[in-house]
Amino acid sequence: MTAKPPVFATLGCRLNAYETEAMKRLADDAGVEGAVVVNTCAVTAEAVRKARQEIRKLRREHPDAKVIVTGCAAQTEPETFAAMDEVDAVIGNHEKMEPATWAGLAPDLIGETERVQVNDIMSVTETASHLIDGFGTRSRAYVQVQNGCDHRCTFCIIPYGRGNSRSVPAGVVVDQIKRLVDKGFNEVVLTGVDLTSWGADLPGGPRLGDLVMRILRLVPDLPRLRISSIDSIEADDNLMLAIASEQRLMPHLHLSLQHGDDLILKRMKRRHLRDDAIAFCEESRRLRPDITFGADIIAGFPTETDAHFENSLKLVADCDLTWLHVFPYSKREGTPAAKIPTQVNGTIIKERAARLRAAGDAQVDRHLAAHVGRKHQILLENPTMGRTEHFAEVVFGKPQVEGAIVTATPTSCDGHRLVV
């Protein structure tokens, strides 16, 4: 009988998708067969609900498979998933990257190993060792350079799922990117949980800007480098220098802003104030006039009044944000914010989130309209769709070479896409 390869389902962030690719390799090396692996997200209560829903759906679709649950929700709430009749094994975020874990999940051993393998993530201090040589499209590769977070924002459960911050040494990162370029990837994206904390645990305490400049210097054949979500208050001098002087660093930054009101930012235990966010955007735009910004913003944090919310809404214009990720506040047990007595009504939260999304949509429309008629270098993710330097989606009427960077001038907009 032909062996059935494992089925993997990924929920949540790009980092989870990256780690799923690493798990596929570990499972294959260990000879895991006929299993369903669900890599969960814990960022909101809704994410955990969706994980449970996905597990039940996959159990119905694969009634004879062993169901293995891992990821951030498995790390923070192992008992929730262990109590599900559909689940055969629960493994933590550290354990999922260990070859020995997958060896124990081979078909003849899965019933003999400990059903719940979730240890203290805060005790993990070693550097991530599961680097993979790209995933997803043939054009863009993602490189995990950092994991975990040392900060304790009052709304966030993620440090308890990911542990404290730890960094991949620069030399390891550079070597991987060289391999990716040799394989034909034209763009690399640096990813992490708290990317601007990269290097704090390494000898000499290098900063993210040092890593960016080193990559661009030592991998001259890399056409495009992106960095994913950053905490703008932690941007270092070399990162700002790279923004100003390195055209191969793409002019698009996604900012972890979370709110636009100083009092709410303090209650969130953020490390910046409203004026800091505005100043960063203004300085970045002075250094790189065409730079665009995305941002994470939470609607309905406990104690948020109409006036507080209006400050978040105004921040969209004050920072000239384009790509918004809006999160309706979700109460996460175990976080300080969950204990705040003045919680915002759920209906109001949804209304505020909708207003933020509408503001974001208007910004996208304005941004795209300004780029019609402008020449762009577009990276093709598939034969008919690519991304500009600013990460705007572009559709082509005629097929192009997947993975290539083509010069083209959009002639119109179609929804939230440019059209060539």
Protein backbone atom coordinates (compact mmCIF):
# COMPACT_ATOMS: atom_id res chain seq x y z
CA MET A 1 0.00 0.00 0.00
CA THR A 2 1.30 3.45 -0.93
CA ALA A 3 2.16 5.58 2.09
CA LYS A 4 0.02 8.68 2.58
CA PRO A 5 2.06 11.86 3.13
CA PRO A 6 1.02 14.03 6.10
CA VAL A 7 -1.54 16.77 5.55
CA PHE A 8 -0.55 20.17 6.97
CA ALA A 9 -2.91 23.04 7.79
CA THR A 10 -1.48 26.43 8.75
CA LEU A 11 -3.35 29.17 10.60
CA GLY A 12 -2.08 32.63 11.45
CA CYS A 13 1.08 34.49 10.54
CA ARG A 14 3.77 34.18 7.90
CA LEU A 15 6.13 32.79 10.55
CA ASN A 16 3.75 29.88 11.09
CA ALA A 17 3.73 29.24 7.35
CA TYR A 18 7.53 29.26 7.39
CA GLU A 19 7.63 26.79 10.26
CA THR A 20 5.10 24.52 8.57
CA GLU A 21 7.55 24.14 5.70
CA ALA A 22 10.26 23.17 8.19
CA MET A 23 7.92 20.66 9.84
CA LYS A 24 7.16 19.06 6.48
CA ARG A 25 10.85 18.33 6.09
CA LEU A 26 11.15 16.98 9.64
CA ALA A 27 8.07 14.78 9.21
CA ASP A 28 9.38 13.45 5.90
CA ASP A 29 12.81 12.67 7.39
CA ALA A 30 11.11 10.84 10.29
CA GLY A 31 8.83 8.80 8.03
CA VAL A 32 5.59 10.23 9.44
CA GLU A 33 2.66 8.95 7.36
CA GLY A 34 -1.09 9.43 7.25
CA ALA A 35 -1.17 12.23 9.82
CA VAL A 36 -2.93 15.60 9.85
CA VAL A 37 -0.88 18.40 11.40
CA VAL A 38 -2.59 21.66 12.40
CA ASN A 39 -0.25 24.59 13.09
CA THR A 40 -2.39 26.94 15.19
CA CYS A 41 -2.47 30.67 15.97
CA ALA A 42 -3.24 32.23 19.35
CA VAL A 43 -3.25 35.95 18.56
CA THR A 44 -6.97 36.30 19.36
CA ALA A 45 -9.70 34.23 20.95
CA GLU A 46 -11.24 34.02 17.47
CA ALA A 47 -8.00 32.46 16.17
CA VAL A 48 -8.27 29.72 18.80
CA ARG A 49 -11.92 29.15 17.90
CA LYS A 50 -10.98 28.82 14.24
CA ALA A 51 -8.27 26.33 15.16
CA ARG A 52 -10.78 24.12 16.94
CA GLN A 53 -13.14 24.44 13.97
CA GLU A 54 -10.37 23.49 11.53
CA ILE A 55 -9.42 20.46 13.62
CA ARG A 56 -13.00 19.17 13.60
CA LYS A 57 -13.29 19.73 9.84
CA LEU A 58 -10.04 17.90 9.13
CA ARG A 59 -11.06 15.01 11.37
CA ARG A 60 -14.25 14.61 9.32
CA GLU A 61 -12.27 14.73 6.09
CA HIS A 62 -9.60 12.30 7.34
CA PRO A 63 -11.39 9.95 9.75
CA ASP A 64 -8.52 7.43 9.91
CA ALA A 65 -5.66 9.92 10.30
CA LYS A 66 -3.77 10.79 13.44
CA VAL A 67 -4.44 14.48 14.22
CA ILE A 68 -1.46 16.38 15.62
CA VAL A 69 -1.97 19.93 16.94
CA THR A 70 0.90 22.36 17.38
CA GLY A 71 1.63 26.11 17.15
CA CYS A 72 0.98 29.04 19.45
CA ALA A 73 -2.50 28.02 20.60
CA ALA A 74 -1.23 24.52 21.41
CA GLN A 75 1.60 26.13 23.40
CA THR A 76 -0.61 28.51 25.38
CA GLU A 77 -3.67 26.25 25.78
CA PRO A 78 -2.50 22.63 25.52
CA GLU A 79 -5.35 21.45 27.75
CA THR A 80 -7.93 22.92 25.35
CA PHE A 81 -6.75 20.73 22.50
CA ALA A 82 -5.89 17.69 24.61
CA ALA A 83 -9.53 17.64 25.69
CA MET A 84 -10.75 17.36 22.08
CA ASP A 85 -11.74 13.85 21.03
CA GLU A 86 -10.47 14.61 17.53
CA VAL A 87 -6.87 15.18 18.68
CA ASP A 88 -4.26 12.43 19.04
CA ALA A 89 -1.21 14.52 20.01
CA VAL A 90 -0.41 18.08 21.13
CA ILE A 91 3.13 19.38 20.70
CA GLY A 92 4.58 22.76 21.66
CA ASN A 93 6.29 25.42 19.57
CA HIS A 94 9.78 24.34 20.59
CA GLU A 95 9.06 20.64 20.34
CA LYS A 96 7.64 20.95 16.82
CA MET A 97 11.10 21.92 15.55
CA GLU A 98 12.89 18.96 17.16
CA PRO A 99 13.67 15.91 14.95
CA ALA A 100 13.18 13.62 17.97
CA THR A 101 9.58 14.78 18.32
CA TRP A 102 8.75 13.76 14.76
CA ALA A 103 10.60 10.47 15.11
CA GLY A 104 8.20 9.71 17.97
CA LEU A 105 5.24 10.53 15.73
CA ALA A 106 6.02 7.85 13.14
CA PRO A 107 3.01 5.55 12.52
CA ASP A 108 4.22 2.70 14.69
CA LEU A 109 5.08 4.94 17.64
CA ILE A 110 2.42 7.66 17.81
CA GLY A 111 0.29 5.70 20.26
CA GLU A 112 3.25 5.03 22.54
CA THR A 113 4.63 8.55 22.94
CA GLU A 114 3.40 11.12 25.42
CA ARG A 115 0.16 12.59 24.07
CA VAL A 116 0.94 16.14 25.21
CA GLN A 117 4.48 17.35 24.63
CA VAL A 118 4.47 21.02 25.63
CA ASN A 119 7.29 22.32 27.80
CA ASP A 120 8.14 25.76 29.21
CA ILE A 121 8.80 27.96 26.16
CA MET A 122 10.43 30.59 28.38
CA SER A 123 13.29 28.18 29.08
CA VAL A 124 14.26 28.05 25.38
CA THR A 125 17.41 30.07 24.77
CA GLU A 126 19.01 28.53 21.70
CA THR A 127 18.92 30.09 18.27
CA ALA A 128 16.38 28.85 15.76
CA SER A 129 17.98 26.01 13.81
CA HIS A 130 15.27 25.10 11.33
CA LEU A 131 16.21 27.44 8.50
CA ILE A 132 14.76 26.36 5.18
CA ASP A 133 15.64 27.47 1.70
CA GLY A 134 12.51 29.37 0.78
CA PHE A 135 8.85 28.51 0.44
CA GLY A 136 5.70 29.75 -1.22
CA THR A 137 6.17 31.27 -4.66
CA ARG A 138 9.17 30.81 -6.91
CA SER A 139 9.82 34.54 -6.74
CA ARG A 140 9.91 35.43 -3.06
CA ALA A 141 11.58 33.62 -0.17
CA TYR A 142 11.07 34.16 3.55
CA VAL A 143 13.94 33.91 6.00
CA GLN A 144 13.26 33.67 9.72
CA VAL A 145 15.99 35.61 11.51
CA GLN A 146 14.38 35.97 14.94
CA ASN A 147 11.81 34.30 17.19
CA GLY A 148 10.10 35.19 20.46
CA CYS A 149 9.60 38.53 22.20
CA ASP A 150 11.01 40.11 25.37
CA HIS A 151 8.25 42.74 25.60
CA ARG A 152 5.01 42.24 27.50
CA CYS A 153 2.32 44.31 25.86
CA THR A 154 -0.77 43.97 28.04
CA PHE A 155 -3.01 42.65 25.25
CA CYS A 156 -0.60 40.10 23.78
CA ILE A 157 -0.43 36.35 24.42
CA ILE A 158 2.28 35.71 21.82
CA PRO A 159 5.36 35.81 24.13
CA TYR A 160 3.79 32.93 26.06
CA GLY A 161 3.49 31.01 22.81
CA ARG A 162 6.86 31.95 21.35
CA GLY A 163 9.10 32.52 24.36
CA ASN A 164 11.76 35.18 24.79
CA SER A 165 13.61 36.77 21.89
CA ARG A 166 16.40 34.84 20.23
CA SER A 167 18.27 35.62 17.03
CA VAL A 168 19.82 33.72 14.14
CA PRO A 169 23.48 34.82 13.73
CA ALA A 170 24.15 37.12 10.80
CA GLY A 171 26.56 34.72 9.12
CA VAL A 172 23.94 31.97 9.05
CA VAL A 173 21.38 34.37 7.59
CA VAL A 174 23.77 35.61 4.89
CA ASP A 175 24.72 32.06 3.89
CA GLN A 176 21.08 31.10 3.51
CA ILE A 177 20.26 34.15 1.42
CA LYS A 178 23.23 33.38 -0.86
CA ARG A 179 21.77 29.91 -1.42
CA LEU A 180 18.36 31.40 -2.17
CA VAL A 181 19.83 33.78 -4.74
CA ASP A 182 21.71 30.88 -6.33
CA LYS A 183 18.35 29.08 -6.63
CA GLY A 184 16.89 32.01 -8.54
CA PHE A 185 14.89 33.88 -5.90
CA ASN A 186 14.69 37.57 -6.72
CA GLU A 187 13.32 38.77 -3.39
CA VAL A 188 13.95 37.82 0.23
CA VAL A 189 11.79 38.87 3.17
CA LEU A 190 13.26 38.90 6.69
CA THR A 191 10.71 37.67 9.23
CA GLY A 192 10.45 37.34 13.00
CA VAL A 193 8.10 37.84 15.93
CA ASP A 194 9.81 41.06 17.07
CA LEU A 195 12.16 41.77 14.20
CA THR A 196 13.72 44.97 15.53
CA SER A 197 14.95 43.08 18.59
CA TRP A 198 17.21 41.00 16.34
CA GLY A 199 20.76 40.81 17.65
CA ALA A 200 20.19 41.80 21.29
CA ASP A 201 21.10 38.27 22.42
CA LEU A 202 24.10 37.92 20.08
CA PRO A 203 27.73 38.82 20.93
CA GLY A 204 28.28 42.56 20.56
CA GLY A 205 24.55 43.28 20.41
CA PRO A 206 24.21 44.05 16.69
CA ARG A 207 21.01 45.70 15.47
CA LEU A 208 18.61 44.93 12.65
CA GLY A 209 20.12 47.71 10.52
CA ASP A 210 23.52 46.04 10.84
CA LEU A 211 22.03 42.80 9.51
CA VAL A 212 20.30 44.56 6.61
CA MET A 213 23.47 46.40 5.58
CA ARG A 214 25.52 43.21 5.88
CA ILE A 215 23.12 41.25 3.68
CA LEU A 216 23.11 43.94 1.00
CA ARG A 217 26.90 44.20 1.08
CA LEU A 218 27.69 40.47 1.08
CA VAL A 219 24.94 39.35 -1.30
CA PRO A 220 25.31 41.85 -4.16
CA ASP A 221 23.30 39.66 -6.55
CA LEU A 222 20.15 39.86 -4.40
CA PRO A 223 17.80 42.16 -6.36
CA ARG A 224 15.27 42.91 -3.60
CA LEU A 225 15.24 42.74 0.18
CA ARG A 226 12.18 43.35 2.36
CA ILE A 227 11.74 43.48 6.09
CA SER A 228 8.45 42.47 7.65
CA SER A 229 6.67 44.09 10.60
CA ILE A 230 8.88 46.30 12.77
CA ASP A 231 8.54 48.26 15.99
CA SER A 232 9.36 51.76 14.76
CA ILE A 233 10.61 53.00 18.13
CA GLU A 234 13.41 50.41 17.93
CA ALA A 235 14.62 51.42 14.46
CA ASP A 236 18.40 51.93 14.67
CA ASP A 237 20.70 54.32 12.81
CA ASN A 238 21.87 51.74 10.28
CA LEU A 239 18.30 50.77 9.46
CA MET A 240 17.51 54.41 8.74
CA LEU A 241 20.71 54.63 6.66
CA ALA A 242 19.60 51.60 4.66
CA ILE A 243 16.19 53.17 4.07
CA ALA A 244 17.89 56.31 2.79
CA SER A 245 20.66 54.81 0.68
CA GLU A 246 19.89 51.23 -0.35
CA GLN A 247 17.56 51.04 -3.33
CA ARG A 248 17.50 47.23 -3.08
CA LEU A 249 15.73 47.58 0.29
CA MET A 250 12.12 47.87 -0.77
CA PRO A 251 10.30 51.12 0.16
CA HIS A 252 7.58 49.46 2.20
CA LEU A 253 7.49 49.03 5.98
CA HIS A 254 4.77 47.47 8.11
CA LEU A 255 4.65 49.12 11.53
CA SER A 256 3.48 47.69 14.83
CA LEU A 257 1.63 50.83 15.97
CA GLN A 258 -1.47 49.30 17.65
CA HIS A 259 -3.11 52.62 18.59
CA GLY A 260 -3.09 56.38 18.09
CA ASP A 261 -3.85 57.64 21.60
CA ASP A 262 -1.12 58.14 24.20
CA LEU A 263 -3.17 56.98 27.19
CA ILE A 264 -4.22 53.75 25.46
CA LEU A 265 -0.64 53.17 24.27
CA LYS A 266 0.52 53.45 27.90
CA ARG A 267 -2.19 51.05 29.03
CA MET A 268 -1.09 48.67 26.28
CA LYS A 269 2.47 48.99 27.66
CA ARG A 270 3.75 50.04 24.28
CA ARG A 271 7.16 51.71 24.05
CA HIS A 272 6.18 54.65 21.86
CA LEU A 273 3.73 57.55 21.88
CA ARG A 274 1.62 58.96 19.09
CA ASP A 275 4.15 61.66 18.20
CA ASP A 276 6.92 59.03 17.99
CA ALA A 277 5.00 57.16 15.30
CA ILE A 278 4.35 60.34 13.33
CA ALA A 279 7.98 61.45 13.65
CA PHE A 280 9.25 58.07 12.42
CA CYS A 281 7.03 58.18 9.34
CA GLU A 282 8.00 61.76 8.59
CA GLU A 283 11.72 61.03 8.93
CA SER A 284 11.49 57.85 6.85
CA ARG A 285 9.63 59.75 4.15
CA ARG A 286 12.24 62.50 4.23
CA LEU A 287 14.95 59.88 3.68
CA ARG A 288 12.96 57.90 1.10
CA PRO A 289 10.16 60.06 -0.34
CA ASP A 290 8.34 57.16 -2.03
CA ILE A 291 8.19 54.92 1.04
CA THR A 292 4.81 53.45 2.01
CA PHE A 293 3.63 52.19 5.37
CA GLY A 294 1.31 49.49 6.58
CA ALA A 295 0.33 49.17 10.23
CA ASP A 296 -1.33 46.99 12.84
CA ILE A 297 -4.06 48.85 14.75
CA ILE A 298 -6.32 47.47 17.48
CA ALA A 299 -9.90 48.72 17.81
CA GLY A 300 -11.72 48.59 21.13
CA PHE A 301 -8.92 48.10 23.65
CA PRO A 302 -10.35 48.20 27.21
CA THR A 303 -11.18 51.77 28.38
CA GLU A 304 -11.06 53.08 24.77
CA THR A 305 -13.48 56.02 24.50
CA ASP A 306 -14.79 57.65 21.33
CA ALA A 307 -12.10 60.30 21.71
CA HIS A 308 -9.34 57.69 22.08
CA PHE A 309 -10.60 55.90 18.99
CA GLU A 310 -10.72 59.12 16.97
CA ASN A 311 -7.00 59.52 17.66
CA SER A 312 -6.38 56.10 16.09
CA LEU A 313 -8.53 57.03 13.13
CA LYS A 314 -6.64 60.31 12.68
CA LEU A 315 -3.31 58.48 12.90
CA VAL A 316 -4.09 56.81 9.55
CA ALA A 317 -3.90 60.21 7.88
CA ASP A 318 -1.24 61.71 10.16
CA CYS A 319 1.17 58.87 9.32
CA ASP A 320 -0.20 58.49 5.79
CA LEU A 321 -0.68 54.75 6.31
CA THR A 322 -1.65 52.65 3.31
CA TRP A 323 -1.97 48.97 4.18
CA LEU A 324 -3.87 48.49 7.46
CA HIS A 325 -4.22 45.29 9.46
CA VAL A 326 -7.13 46.07 11.78
CA PHE A 327 -7.71 43.83 14.80
CA PRO A 328 -10.90 44.07 16.86
CA TYR A 329 -9.69 43.74 20.45
CA SER A 330 -9.97 40.17 21.69
CA LYS A 331 -9.82 39.37 25.38
CA ARG A 332 -7.06 36.83 25.99
CA GLU A 333 -7.11 35.12 29.38
CA GLY A 334 -3.71 35.33 31.02
CA THR A 335 -2.96 38.84 29.77
CA PRO A 336 -3.15 41.98 31.98
CA ALA A 337 -5.63 43.65 29.61
CA ALA A 338 -8.14 40.86 30.22
CA LYS A 339 -8.33 41.96 33.86
CA ILE A 340 -9.19 45.58 33.09
CA PRO A 341 -12.78 46.04 34.31
CA THR A 342 -13.82 48.58 31.66
CA GLN A 343 -14.15 46.37 28.58
CA VAL A 344 -15.62 47.90 25.40
CA ASN A 345 -18.94 46.56 24.11
CA GLY A 346 -18.45 44.04 21.29
CA THR A 347 -20.80 45.85 18.91
CA ILE A 348 -18.88 49.09 19.38
CA ILE A 349 -15.60 47.25 18.76
CA LYS A 350 -16.91 45.92 15.44
CA GLU A 351 -18.15 49.35 14.41
CA ARG A 352 -14.80 50.97 15.19
CA ALA A 353 -12.90 48.23 13.36
CA ALA A 354 -15.14 48.75 10.33
CA ARG A 355 -14.42 52.49 10.36
CA LEU A 356 -10.68 51.85 10.51
CA ARG A 357 -10.89 49.38 7.64
CA ALA A 358 -12.88 51.89 5.59
CA ALA A 359 -10.20 54.51 6.24
CA GLY A 360 -7.57 52.00 5.17
CA ASP A 361 -9.47 51.15 1.99
CA ALA A 362 -9.65 54.84 1.10
CA GLN A 363 -5.90 55.15 1.63
CA VAL A 364 -5.25 52.17 -0.64
CA ASP A 365 -7.44 53.66 -3.37
CA ARG A 366 -5.60 56.96 -3.13
CA HIS A 367 -2.21 55.24 -3.16
CA LEU A 368 -3.00 53.12 -6.21
CA ALA A 369 -4.47 56.05 -8.13
CA ALA A 370 -1.22 57.94 -7.58
CA HIS A 371 0.76 55.03 -9.07
CA VAL A 372 -1.22 54.75 -12.29
CA GLY A 373 1.01 55.95 -15.11
CA ARG A 374 4.19 55.51 -13.05
CA LYS A 375 6.86 53.03 -14.12
CA HIS A 376 7.44 50.17 -11.67
CA GLN A 377 9.71 47.19 -11.21
CA ILE A 378 7.21 44.39 -10.65
CA LEU A 379 8.08 40.97 -9.20
CA LEU A 380 5.88 38.28 -10.77
CA GLU A 381 4.37 35.93 -8.18
CA ASN A 382 2.56 34.03 -10.91
CA PRO A 383 2.23 34.57 -14.69
CA THR A 384 -0.50 37.21 -14.33
CA MET A 385 0.09 38.82 -10.90
CA GLY A 386 3.02 40.61 -9.32
CA ARG A 387 3.94 43.18 -6.67
CA THR A 388 5.47 46.62 -7.01
CA GLU A 389 8.34 47.80 -4.86
CA HIS A 390 5.67 49.19 -2.50
CA PHE A 391 3.90 45.79 -2.36
CA ALA A 392 0.90 46.90 -4.40
CA GLU A 393 -0.69 44.05 -6.35
CA VAL A 394 -0.51 44.33 -10.14
CA VAL A 395 -2.44 42.19 -12.63
CA PHE A 396 -1.29 41.60 -16.20
CA GLY A 397 -3.47 41.01 -19.22
CA LYS A 398 -0.81 38.83 -20.83
CA PRO A 399 1.19 36.04 -19.11
CA GLN A 400 4.67 36.93 -17.88
CA VAL A 401 7.60 34.84 -16.65
CA GLU A 402 6.90 33.77 -13.08
CA GLY A 403 9.64 34.94 -10.72
CA ALA A 404 10.95 37.60 -13.08
CA ILE A 405 11.17 41.31 -12.31
CA VAL A 406 9.62 43.26 -15.18
CA THR A 407 9.41 46.96 -15.86
CA ALA A 408 5.84 48.05 -16.53
CA THR A 409 3.53 51.04 -16.19
CA PRO A 410 0.06 50.43 -14.72
CA THR A 411 -2.70 52.03 -16.77
CA SER A 412 -5.64 51.72 -14.36
CA CYS A 413 -6.96 50.28 -11.08
CA ASP A 414 -9.31 47.35 -10.55
CA GLY A 415 -10.46 47.31 -6.96
CA HIS A 416 -7.35 47.21 -4.79
CA ARG A 417 -5.09 46.20 -7.68
CA LEU A 418 -3.15 47.99 -10.36
CA VAL A 419 -3.67 46.85 -13.95
CA VAL A 420 -1.06 46.69 -16.71
